[in-house]
């Protein structure tokens, strides 16, 4: 009698398992469809109400907005009277900084590093030949040359855009290139006036 009871019990267990599986899969499919419908509505709500991504750089900022930003109170509270690059400090391994800065800070429209360069970190700083107030911060007042990226901390891509913008501004006459005046003692070249008269 024991083997017969065992067979009946195993058959009943198998039938109930199969029934549960069918019921379970139907309920899972129904729940999945409901979740997809509510998830679509939630995504629309979160996209509309979510805060903008701080690392997203796909939005194009006009040059006029950047020029207004350089005269605004927000710029003064952020940078004070200093240049954009004076408070920036590069992150690097070891005691000495590498000779070159990183190639670029922005990849596929997003900031890809934890410490982006001074231009890439602030989306309202636009390098353009018309934005002379920003360009003058990267030009040496003594020689009129563009400051090195090892001093300013710009990535290679931003430094290239900076040099192109400076050259375009000089071609358009928006930036002047003043050669420092030097006084020469012409007596060393032509001799003294008394000797010339004799």
C-alpha atoms as a PDB file:
ATOM      1  CA  UNK A   1       0.000   0.000   0.000  1.00  0.00           C
ATOM      2  CA  UNK A   2       2.869   2.283   0.603  1.00  0.00           C
ATOM      3  CA  UNK A   3       4.113   2.340  -3.044  1.00  0.00           C
ATOM      4  CA  UNK A   4       0.587   3.007  -4.298  1.00  0.00           C
ATOM      5  CA  UNK A   5       0.150   5.994  -1.962  1.00  0.00           C
ATOM      6  CA  UNK A   6       3.531   7.315  -2.991  1.00  0.00           C
ATOM      7  CA  UNK A   7       2.568   7.187  -6.700  1.00  0.00           C
ATOM      8  CA  UNK A   8      -0.748   8.941  -6.121  1.00  0.00           C
ATOM      9  CA  UNK A   9       0.933  11.626  -4.054  1.00  0.00           C
ATOM     10  CA  UNK A  10       3.605  12.255  -6.713  1.00  0.00           C
ATOM     11  CA  UNK A  11       0.952  12.502  -9.467  1.00  0.00           C
ATOM     12  CA  UNK A  12      -1.103  14.957  -7.438  1.00  0.00           C
ATOM     13  CA  UNK A  13       1.978  17.040  -6.697  1.00  0.00           C
ATOM     14  CA  UNK A  14       2.898  17.136 -10.393  1.00  0.00           C
ATOM     15  CA  UNK A  15      -0.601  18.235 -11.413  1.00  0.00           C
ATOM     16  CA  UNK A  16      -0.664  21.042  -8.871  1.00  0.00           C
ATOM     17  CA  UNK A  17       2.832  22.145  -9.905  1.00  0.00           C
ATOM     18  CA  UNK A  18       1.839  22.355 -13.564  1.00  0.00           C
ATOM     19  CA  UNK A  19      -1.317  24.246 -12.663  1.00  0.00           C
ATOM     20  CA  UNK A  20       0.645  26.681 -10.531  1.00  0.00           C
ATOM     21  CA  UNK A  21       3.155  27.248 -13.317  1.00  0.00           C
ATOM     22  CA  UNK A  22       0.411  28.097 -15.774  1.00  0.00           C
ATOM     23  CA  UNK A  23      -1.249  30.429 -13.294  1.00  0.00           C
ATOM     24  CA  UNK A  24       2.112  31.900 -12.338  1.00  0.00           C
ATOM     25  CA  UNK A  25       3.233  32.623 -15.927  1.00  0.00           C
ATOM     26  CA  UNK A  26      -0.107  34.262 -16.758  1.00  0.00           C
ATOM     27  CA  UNK A  27       0.094  36.516 -13.715  1.00  0.00           C
ATOM     28  CA  UNK A  28       3.722  37.354 -14.456  1.00  0.00           C
ATOM     29  CA  UNK A  29       2.886  38.388 -18.014  1.00  0.00           C
ATOM     30  CA  UNK A  30      -0.040  40.492 -16.815  1.00  0.00           C
ATOM     31  CA  UNK A  31       2.119  42.202 -14.163  1.00  0.00           C
ATOM     32  CA  UNK A  32       4.894  42.793 -16.684  1.00  0.00           C
ATOM     33  CA  UNK A  33       2.490  44.525 -19.085  1.00  0.00           C
ATOM     34  CA  UNK A  34       1.139  46.706 -16.268  1.00  0.00           C
ATOM     35  CA  UNK A  35       4.669  47.599 -15.126  1.00  0.00           C
ATOM     36  CA  UNK A  36       5.716  48.589 -18.656  1.00  0.00           C
ATOM     37  CA  UNK A  37       2.695  50.850 -18.999  1.00  0.00           C
ATOM     38  CA  UNK A  38       3.339  52.566 -15.664  1.00  0.00           C
ATOM     39  CA  UNK A  39       7.094  52.747 -16.311  1.00  0.00           C
ATOM     40  CA  UNK A  40       6.479  54.602 -19.581  1.00  0.00           C
ATOM     41  CA  UNK A  41       4.346  57.179 -17.745  1.00  0.00           C
ATOM     42  CA  UNK A  42       6.922  57.482 -14.950  1.00  0.00           C
ATOM     43  CA  UNK A  43       9.754  57.995 -17.448  1.00  0.00           C
ATOM     44  CA  UNK A  44       7.824  60.827 -19.082  1.00  0.00           C
ATOM     45  CA  UNK A  45       7.217  62.401 -15.672  1.00  0.00           C
ATOM     46  CA  UNK A  46      10.847  62.010 -14.553  1.00  0.00           C
ATOM     47  CA  UNK A  47      12.184  63.421 -17.837  1.00  0.00           C
ATOM     48  CA  UNK A  48      10.008  66.477 -17.446  1.00  0.00           C
ATOM     49  CA  UNK A  49      10.695  67.044 -13.738  1.00  0.00           C
ATOM     50  CA  UNK A  50      14.283  65.735 -13.403  1.00  0.00           C
ATOM     51  CA  UNK A  51      17.149  68.129 -12.775  1.00  0.00           C
ATOM     52  CA  UNK A  52      19.514  68.640 -15.722  1.00  0.00           C
ATOM     53  CA  UNK A  53      22.641  66.496 -15.848  1.00  0.00           C
ATOM     54  CA  UNK A  54      25.670  68.514 -14.726  1.00  0.00           C
ATOM     55  CA  UNK A  55      28.030  66.561 -16.980  1.00  0.00           C
ATOM     56  CA  UNK A  56      25.996  66.947 -20.165  1.00  0.00           C
ATOM     57  CA  UNK A  57      27.671  69.248 -22.705  1.00  0.00           C
ATOM     58  CA  UNK A  58      25.497  68.647 -25.764  1.00  0.00           C
ATOM     59  CA  UNK A  59      23.617  71.933 -25.308  1.00  0.00           C
ATOM     60  CA  UNK A  60      25.110  74.685 -27.467  1.00  0.00           C
ATOM     61  CA  UNK A  61      25.583  77.982 -25.626  1.00  0.00           C
ATOM     62  CA  UNK A  62      25.604  81.094 -27.867  1.00  0.00           C
ATOM     63  CA  UNK A  63      28.609  83.430 -27.718  1.00  0.00           C
ATOM     64  CA  UNK A  64      26.430  86.364 -26.714  1.00  0.00           C
ATOM     65  CA  UNK A  65      25.283  84.449 -23.618  1.00  0.00           C
ATOM     66  CA  UNK A  66      28.895  83.747 -22.712  1.00  0.00           C
ATOM     67  CA  UNK A  67      29.818  87.421 -23.104  1.00  0.00           C
ATOM     68  CA  UNK A  68      26.932  88.422 -20.831  1.00  0.00           C
ATOM     69  CA  UNK A  69      27.985  85.746 -18.322  1.00  0.00           C
ATOM     70  CA  UNK A  70      31.478  87.252 -18.025  1.00  0.00           C
ATOM     71  CA  UNK A  71      29.889  90.523 -16.836  1.00  0.00           C
ATOM     72  CA  UNK A  72      27.330  88.931 -14.510  1.00  0.00           C
ATOM     73  CA  UNK A  73      27.258  88.566 -10.731  1.00  0.00           C
ATOM     74  CA  UNK A  74      27.360  84.759 -11.028  1.00  0.00           C
ATOM     75  CA  UNK A  75      30.763  84.969 -12.706  1.00  0.00           C
ATOM     76  CA  UNK A  76      32.064  87.385 -10.058  1.00  0.00           C
ATOM     77  CA  UNK A  77      30.936  85.163  -7.191  1.00  0.00           C
ATOM     78  CA  UNK A  78      32.487  82.102  -8.830  1.00  0.00           C
ATOM     79  CA  UNK A  79      35.847  83.489  -9.935  1.00  0.00           C
ATOM     80  CA  UNK A  80      36.120  86.872  -8.210  1.00  0.00           C
ATOM     81  CA  UNK A  81      38.698  89.192  -9.784  1.00  0.00           C
ATOM     82  CA  UNK A  82      40.994  86.296 -10.747  1.00  0.00           C
ATOM     83  CA  UNK A  83      41.358  84.718 -14.141  1.00  0.00           C
ATOM     84  CA  UNK A  84      39.396  81.569 -14.920  1.00  0.00           C
ATOM     85  CA  UNK A  85      42.457  79.314 -14.653  1.00  0.00           C
ATOM     86  CA  UNK A  86      44.218  80.730 -11.561  1.00  0.00           C
ATOM     87  CA  UNK A  87      42.340  78.652  -8.958  1.00  0.00           C
ATOM     88  CA  UNK A  88      42.456  75.445 -11.039  1.00  0.00           C
ATOM     89  CA  UNK A  89      44.747  72.629  -9.890  1.00  0.00           C
ATOM     90  CA  UNK A  90      45.524  69.587 -12.000  1.00  0.00           C
ATOM     91  CA  UNK A  91      45.182  66.075 -10.612  1.00  0.00           C
ATOM     92  CA  UNK A  92      48.088  63.766 -11.393  1.00  0.00           C
ATOM     93  CA  UNK A  93      49.980  60.821 -10.019  1.00  0.00           C
ATOM     94  CA  UNK A  94      53.234  61.311  -8.259  1.00  0.00           C
ATOM     95  CA  UNK A  95      55.152  64.387  -7.289  1.00  0.00           C
ATOM     96  CA  UNK A  96      55.639  66.035 -10.665  1.00  0.00           C
ATOM     97  CA  UNK A  97      52.913  66.864 -13.152  1.00  0.00           C
ATOM     98  CA  UNK A  98      53.179  65.264 -16.589  1.00  0.00           C
ATOM     99  CA  UNK A  99      54.434  67.529 -19.342  1.00  0.00           C
ATOM    100  CA  UNK A 100      51.208  67.400 -21.355  1.00  0.00           C
ATOM    101  CA  UNK A 101      47.672  67.755 -20.090  1.00  0.00           C
ATOM    102  CA  UNK A 102      44.936  65.271 -21.035  1.00  0.00           C
ATOM    103  CA  UNK A 103      43.736  65.093 -24.635  1.00  0.00           C
ATOM    104  CA  UNK A 104      40.130  66.058 -23.937  1.00  0.00           C
ATOM    105  CA  UNK A 105      37.702  66.344 -21.054  1.00  0.00           C
ATOM    106  CA  UNK A 106      34.447  65.836 -22.978  1.00  0.00           C
ATOM    107  CA  UNK A 107      33.719  62.553 -24.745  1.00  0.00           C
ATOM    108  CA  UNK A 108      30.434  61.775 -26.521  1.00  0.00           C
ATOM    109  CA  UNK A 109      28.813  64.943 -25.187  1.00  0.00           C
ATOM    110  CA  UNK A 110      29.570  64.280 -21.488  1.00  0.00           C
ATOM    111  CA  UNK A 111      32.392  65.182 -19.135  1.00  0.00           C
ATOM    112  CA  UNK A 112      34.437  62.006 -18.830  1.00  0.00           C
ATOM    113  CA  UNK A 113      36.781  63.017 -16.014  1.00  0.00           C
ATOM    114  CA  UNK A 114      36.427  64.009 -12.393  1.00  0.00           C
ATOM    115  CA  UNK A 115      38.536  67.150 -12.735  1.00  0.00           C
ATOM    116  CA  UNK A 116      37.878  68.807 -16.112  1.00  0.00           C
ATOM    117  CA  UNK A 117      39.928  71.753 -17.326  1.00  0.00           C
ATOM    118  CA  UNK A 118      38.780  75.351 -16.576  1.00  0.00           C
ATOM    119  CA  UNK A 119      37.030  75.776 -19.942  1.00  0.00           C
ATOM    120  CA  UNK A 120      35.314  72.365 -20.044  1.00  0.00           C
ATOM    121  CA  UNK A 121      34.012  72.542 -16.483  1.00  0.00           C
ATOM    122  CA  UNK A 122      32.028  75.753 -17.013  1.00  0.00           C
ATOM    123  CA  UNK A 123      29.638  75.388 -19.932  1.00  0.00           C
ATOM    124  CA  UNK A 124      29.136  79.152 -20.214  1.00  0.00           C
ATOM    125  CA  UNK A 125      32.776  79.804 -21.100  1.00  0.00           C
ATOM    126  CA  UNK A 126      32.683  79.662 -24.900  1.00  0.00           C
ATOM    127  CA  UNK A 127      35.933  79.987 -26.847  1.00  0.00           C
ATOM    128  CA  UNK A 128      35.134  82.206 -29.802  1.00  0.00           C
ATOM    129  CA  UNK A 129      37.006  84.994 -31.581  1.00  0.00           C
ATOM    130  CA  UNK A 130      34.300  87.502 -30.593  1.00  0.00           C
ATOM    131  CA  UNK A 131      34.637  86.688 -26.879  1.00  0.00           C
ATOM    132  CA  UNK A 132      37.779  88.796 -26.414  1.00  0.00           C
ATOM    133  CA  UNK A 133      37.323  89.289 -22.673  1.00  0.00           C
ATOM    134  CA  UNK A 134      37.788  85.541 -22.126  1.00  0.00           C
ATOM    135  CA  UNK A 135      40.606  85.232 -24.654  1.00  0.00           C
ATOM    136  CA  UNK A 136      42.634  87.989 -22.985  1.00  0.00           C
ATOM    137  CA  UNK A 137      42.769  85.922 -19.800  1.00  0.00           C
ATOM    138  CA  UNK A 138      44.909  83.360 -21.639  1.00  0.00           C
ATOM    139  CA  UNK A 139      47.298  85.847 -23.298  1.00  0.00           C
ATOM    140  CA  UNK A 140      50.498  86.970 -21.605  1.00  0.00           C
ATOM    141  CA  UNK A 141      50.495  90.751 -21.017  1.00  0.00           C
ATOM    142  CA  UNK A 142      54.276  90.908 -21.480  1.00  0.00           C
ATOM    143  CA  UNK A 143      54.862  88.991 -24.697  1.00  0.00           C
ATOM    144  CA  UNK A 144      51.371  88.883 -26.239  1.00  0.00           C
ATOM    145  CA  UNK A 145      51.654  85.103 -26.715  1.00  0.00           C
ATOM    146  CA  UNK A 146      49.074  82.497 -25.674  1.00  0.00           C
ATOM    147  CA  UNK A 147      49.966  81.049 -22.275  1.00  0.00           C
ATOM    148  CA  UNK A 148      51.093  77.420 -22.177  1.00  0.00           C
ATOM    149  CA  UNK A 149      48.634  74.662 -21.309  1.00  0.00           C
ATOM    150  CA  UNK A 150      50.988  73.520 -18.542  1.00  0.00           C
ATOM    151  CA  UNK A 151      50.357  76.869 -16.804  1.00  0.00           C
ATOM    152  CA  UNK A 152      46.642  77.264 -17.519  1.00  0.00           C
ATOM    153  CA  UNK A 153      45.739  73.554 -17.178  1.00  0.00           C
ATOM    154  CA  UNK A 154      43.633  73.424 -20.354  1.00  0.00           C
ATOM    155  CA  UNK A 155      43.166  70.086 -22.076  1.00  0.00           C
ATOM    156  CA  UNK A 156      44.781  69.737 -25.517  1.00  0.00           C
ATOM    157  CA  UNK A 157      41.496  70.123 -27.384  1.00  0.00           C
ATOM    158  CA  UNK A 158      40.525  73.327 -25.543  1.00  0.00           C
ATOM    159  CA  UNK A 159      44.036  74.731 -25.956  1.00  0.00           C
ATOM    160  CA  UNK A 160      43.862  74.159 -29.719  1.00  0.00           C
ATOM    161  CA  UNK A 161      40.456  75.875 -29.880  1.00  0.00           C
ATOM    162  CA  UNK A 162      41.909  78.747 -27.830  1.00  0.00           C
ATOM    163  CA  UNK A 163      44.867  79.298 -30.167  1.00  0.00           C
ATOM    164  CA  UNK A 164      42.580  79.200 -33.213  1.00  0.00           C
ATOM    165  CA  UNK A 165      40.190  81.710 -31.613  1.00  0.00           C
ATOM    166  CA  UNK A 166      43.078  84.051 -30.695  1.00  0.00           C
ATOM    167  CA  UNK A 167      44.458  83.951 -34.254  1.00  0.00           C
ATOM    168  CA  UNK A 168      40.997  84.620 -35.703  1.00  0.00           C
ATOM    169  CA  UNK A 169      40.495  87.559 -33.318  1.00  0.00           C
ATOM    170  CA  UNK A 170      43.860  89.010 -34.363  1.00  0.00           C
ATOM    171  CA  UNK A 171      42.998  88.581 -38.044  1.00  0.00           C
ATOM    172  CA  UNK A 172      39.702  90.415 -37.507  1.00  0.00           C
ATOM    173  CA  UNK A 173      41.417  93.165 -35.520  1.00  0.00           C
ATOM    174  CA  UNK A 174      39.591  92.452 -32.257  1.00  0.00           C
ATOM    175  CA  UNK A 175      42.845  91.689 -30.429  1.00  0.00           C
ATOM    176  CA  UNK A 176      45.912  93.835 -30.942  1.00  0.00           C
ATOM    177  CA  UNK A 177      49.435  92.544 -30.819  1.00  0.00           C
ATOM    178  CA  UNK A 178      51.626  95.231 -29.262  1.00  0.00           C
ATOM    179  CA  UNK A 179      55.356  94.852 -29.513  1.00  0.00           C
ATOM    180  CA  UNK A 180      57.025  96.397 -26.450  1.00  0.00           C
ATOM    181  CA  UNK A 181      58.898  99.600 -27.183  1.00  0.00           C
ATOM    182  CA  UNK A 182      62.646  99.398 -26.691  1.00  0.00           C
ATOM    183  CA  UNK A 183      65.067 102.257 -26.640  1.00  0.00           C
ATOM    184  CA  UNK A 184      68.337 101.712 -28.467  1.00  0.00           C
ATOM    185  CA  UNK A 185      71.548 103.619 -28.084  1.00  0.00           C
ATOM    186  CA  UNK A 186      72.285 104.427 -31.736  1.00  0.00           C
ATOM    187  CA  UNK A 187      75.745 105.722 -30.853  1.00  0.00           C
ATOM    188  CA  UNK A 188      76.863 102.108 -30.631  1.00  0.00           C
ATOM    189  CA  UNK A 189      75.892 101.574 -34.276  1.00  0.00           C
ATOM    190  CA  UNK A 190      76.615 104.899 -35.951  1.00  0.00           C
ATOM    191  CA  UNK A 191      79.234 106.386 -33.665  1.00  0.00           C
ATOM    192  CA  UNK A 192      78.984 109.646 -31.753  1.00  0.00           C
ATOM    193  CA  UNK A 193      77.718 112.844 -33.345  1.00  0.00           C
ATOM    194  CA  UNK A 194      81.074 114.636 -32.926  1.00  0.00           C
ATOM    195  CA  UNK A 195      82.854 111.957 -34.914  1.00  0.00           C
ATOM    196  CA  UNK A 196      80.270 112.215 -37.697  1.00  0.00           C
ATOM    197  CA  UNK A 197      80.674 115.981 -37.995  1.00  0.00           C
ATOM    198  CA  UNK A 198      84.477 115.702 -38.375  1.00  0.00           C
END
